[in-house]
Protein backbone atom coordinates (compact mmCIF):
# COMPACT_ATOMS: atom_id res chain seq x y z
CA UNK A 1 -12.70 -48.24 35.78
CA UNK A 2 -16.25 -48.05 34.37
CA UNK A 3 -16.62 -44.35 35.30
CA UNK A 4 -13.25 -43.55 33.70
CA UNK A 5 -14.28 -45.22 30.44
CA UNK A 6 -17.61 -43.41 30.45
CA UNK A 7 -15.98 -40.00 31.02
CA UNK A 8 -13.35 -40.74 28.35
CA UNK A 9 -16.02 -41.69 25.82
CA UNK A 10 -18.04 -38.55 26.59
CA UNK A 11 -14.97 -36.34 26.24
CA UNK A 12 -14.01 -37.96 22.96
CA UNK A 13 -17.55 -37.48 21.69
CA UNK A 14 -17.83 -33.81 22.72
CA UNK A 15 -14.27 -32.57 22.06
CA UNK A 16 -14.40 -32.74 18.23
CA UNK A 17 -17.53 -30.56 18.23
CA UNK A 18 -15.84 -27.93 20.40
CA UNK A 19 -12.96 -27.68 17.94
CA UNK A 20 -15.36 -27.64 14.99
CA UNK A 21 -17.22 -24.64 16.40
CA UNK A 22 -13.98 -22.64 16.60
CA UNK A 23 -13.10 -23.60 13.03
CA UNK A 24 -16.59 -22.60 11.83
CA UNK A 25 -16.32 -19.17 13.47
CA UNK A 26 -12.92 -18.56 11.90
CA UNK A 27 -14.28 -19.63 8.50
CA UNK A 28 -17.23 -17.26 8.91
CA UNK A 29 -14.93 -14.39 9.89
CA UNK A 30 -12.68 -15.18 6.92
CA UNK A 31 -15.76 -15.01 4.69
CA UNK A 32 -16.57 -11.57 6.15
CA UNK A 33 -13.07 -10.37 5.23
CA UNK A 34 -13.53 -11.74 1.71
CA UNK A 35 -16.94 -10.04 1.40
CA UNK A 36 -15.38 -6.80 2.65
CA UNK A 37 -12.72 -7.00 -0.05
CA UNK A 38 -15.13 -7.99 -2.83
CA UNK A 39 -17.63 -5.27 -1.94
CA UNK A 40 -14.86 -2.64 -2.20
CA UNK A 41 -14.02 -3.92 -5.69
CA UNK A 42 -17.70 -3.99 -6.73
CA UNK A 43 -18.52 -0.80 -4.79
CA UNK A 44 -21.45 -2.77 -3.39
CA UNK A 45 -22.69 -0.69 -0.47
CA UNK A 46 -25.47 -3.13 0.45
CA UNK A 47 -23.04 -6.02 0.94
CA UNK A 48 -20.48 -3.77 2.65
CA UNK A 49 -22.94 -2.18 5.09
CA UNK A 50 -24.33 -5.61 6.05
CA UNK A 51 -20.94 -6.51 7.57
CA UNK A 52 -21.15 -3.84 10.26
CA UNK A 53 -22.86 -3.65 13.62
CA UNK A 54 -25.83 -1.33 14.01
CA UNK A 55 -25.15 1.92 15.83
CA UNK A 56 -21.74 3.48 16.32
CA UNK A 57 -18.85 1.79 14.57
CA UNK A 58 -15.35 3.13 15.11
CA UNK A 59 -13.51 3.95 11.88
CA UNK A 60 -10.17 5.67 12.30
CA UNK A 61 -6.64 5.76 10.98
CA UNK A 62 -3.32 7.37 11.70
CA UNK A 63 -0.42 8.21 9.44
CA UNK A 64 2.75 6.47 10.52
CA UNK A 65 5.34 8.91 11.86
CA UNK A 66 7.59 8.85 8.82
CA UNK A 67 4.71 9.47 6.40
CA UNK A 68 3.42 12.27 8.64
CA UNK A 69 6.90 13.87 8.61
CA UNK A 70 7.00 13.71 4.81
CA UNK A 71 3.52 15.19 4.52
CA UNK A 72 4.52 18.12 6.75
CA UNK A 73 7.70 18.60 4.71
CA UNK A 74 5.83 18.42 1.38
CA UNK A 75 3.12 20.86 2.43
CA UNK A 76 5.58 23.30 3.99
CA UNK A 77 3.93 23.23 7.39
CA UNK A 78 6.10 24.39 10.25
CA UNK A 79 4.17 22.74 13.03
CA UNK A 80 3.01 19.17 13.19
CA UNK A 81 -0.54 18.61 12.05
CA UNK A 82 -2.72 15.84 13.35
CA UNK A 83 -1.76 12.44 12.04
CA UNK A 84 -5.13 10.99 13.04
CA UNK A 85 -8.45 11.03 11.26
CA UNK A 86 -11.77 9.34 11.74
CA UNK A 87 -14.79 8.73 9.62
CA UNK A 88 -17.32 6.04 9.00
CA UNK A 89 -17.63 2.91 6.95
CA UNK A 90 -20.38 4.64 4.96
CA UNK A 91 -18.10 7.58 4.22
CA UNK A 92 -15.37 5.17 3.15
CA UNK A 93 -17.76 3.47 0.73
CA UNK A 94 -18.95 6.81 -0.70
CA UNK A 95 -15.32 7.82 -1.24
CA UNK A 96 -14.72 4.79 -3.45
CA UNK A 97 -16.81 6.31 -6.21
CA UNK A 98 -14.13 8.97 -6.88
CA UNK A 99 -12.08 6.32 -8.69
CA UNK A 100 -12.91 4.04 -11.59
CA UNK A 101 -11.56 0.96 -9.80
CA UNK A 102 -10.79 0.27 -6.14
CA UNK A 103 -9.45 -2.66 -4.19
CA UNK A 104 -8.48 -3.29 -0.58
CA UNK A 105 -6.03 -6.22 -0.57
CA UNK A 106 -5.35 -8.17 2.61
CA UNK A 107 -2.66 -10.66 3.61
CA UNK A 108 -0.88 -11.87 6.73
CA UNK A 109 -4.35 -12.31 8.30
CA UNK A 110 -4.63 -13.49 11.91
CA UNK A 111 -7.97 -14.20 13.59
CA UNK A 112 -8.41 -14.55 17.35
CA UNK A 113 -11.92 -15.27 18.63
CA UNK A 114 -13.68 -16.86 21.56
CA UNK A 115 -17.07 -17.52 19.98
CA UNK A 116 -18.46 -14.14 21.07
CA UNK A 117 -15.83 -11.52 20.27
CA UNK A 118 -13.08 -11.54 17.67
CA UNK A 119 -10.07 -9.54 16.61
CA UNK A 120 -8.57 -9.67 13.14
CA UNK A 121 -5.15 -8.25 12.32
CA UNK A 122 -3.88 -8.00 8.79
CA UNK A 123 -1.65 -6.12 6.43
CA UNK A 124 -3.49 -4.22 3.74
CA UNK A 125 -2.82 -2.25 0.60
CA UNK A 126 -5.38 0.06 -0.94
CA UNK A 127 -5.53 0.40 -4.70
CA UNK A 128 -7.28 3.05 -6.80
CA UNK A 129 -7.36 2.92 -10.58
CA UNK A 130 -5.00 -0.08 -10.51
CA UNK A 131 -2.31 1.76 -8.51
CA UNK A 132 -1.46 1.25 -4.86
CA UNK A 133 -2.07 4.49 -2.95
CA UNK A 134 -1.44 3.46 0.65
CA UNK A 135 -0.70 0.48 2.87
CA UNK A 136 -0.32 -0.46 6.51
CA UNK A 137 -1.81 -2.61 9.23
CA UNK A 138 -5.55 -2.99 9.72
CA UNK A 139 -7.36 -4.15 12.84
CA UNK A 140 -10.99 -5.25 12.89
CA UNK A 141 -12.98 -6.02 16.01
CA UNK A 142 -16.17 -8.03 15.76
CA UNK A 143 -18.94 -9.26 18.01
CA UNK A 144 -21.30 -12.14 17.50
CA UNK A 145 -24.71 -10.56 17.76
CA UNK A 146 -27.84 -12.62 17.45
CA UNK A 147 -25.71 -15.45 16.06
CA UNK A 148 -24.03 -13.32 13.36
CA UNK A 149 -20.56 -11.79 13.33
CA UNK A 150 -20.56 -7.99 12.87
CA UNK A 151 -17.67 -5.54 12.61
CA UNK A 152 -17.62 -2.99 15.46
CA UNK A 153 -14.39 -1.17 14.63
CA UNK A 154 -11.86 -0.66 11.85
CA UNK A 155 -8.56 0.90 12.90
CA UNK A 156 -5.57 1.14 10.60
CA UNK A 157 -2.15 2.66 10.13
CA UNK A 158 -1.35 4.44 6.92
CA UNK A 159 1.79 4.79 4.83
CA UNK A 160 1.53 6.69 1.55
CA UNK A 161 3.07 4.86 -1.38
CA UNK A 162 4.40 8.13 -2.80
CA UNK A 163 6.87 8.14 0.10
CA UNK A 164 7.36 4.52 1.11
CA UNK A 165 6.89 1.24 -0.77
CA UNK A 166 5.21 -1.66 0.98
CA UNK A 167 7.76 -4.28 2.07
CA UNK A 168 7.26 -7.76 0.62
CA UNK A 169 5.24 -10.29 2.59
CA UNK A 170 8.26 -12.12 4.01
CA UNK A 171 9.63 -8.87 5.44
CA UNK A 172 6.22 -7.99 6.93
CA UNK A 173 5.82 -11.41 8.51
CA UNK A 174 9.18 -11.01 10.22
CA UNK A 175 8.16 -7.70 11.82
């Protein structure tokens, strides 16, 4: 009985700290998402670049099929063009300066992490000059490197608002 009590006490003492670590990582990752969003609004390249891992970072997107079909129809193309494009987070930041105001809004955020790697899924809408231009799903992958979370990839789907309006949050959560 003495060993059982001792093990129980040790487990009760250690278990809250294990749960706290997970919560702290999720809070830190949430703060990264907030910094990402705020740096797009402020066009703050220093803050934005600090969120990313050194070296190659994947940055790519694909038009959803229905938007791609409308683009082909609108441009009069007879054969399907590529619905995929890639770039870089630095190129994305440079592109923000074409507009007076920009904002990347996120909701329906889900974070899965194990203390070393993380995946964040979210719905987004991108705004330029106070008008939504596109929306879709965004996926971030992160690693914890030298004790700090860094984004290693940004992959997103893209619907153009000129063709399709973003469904409300309740509809998106039921997807």
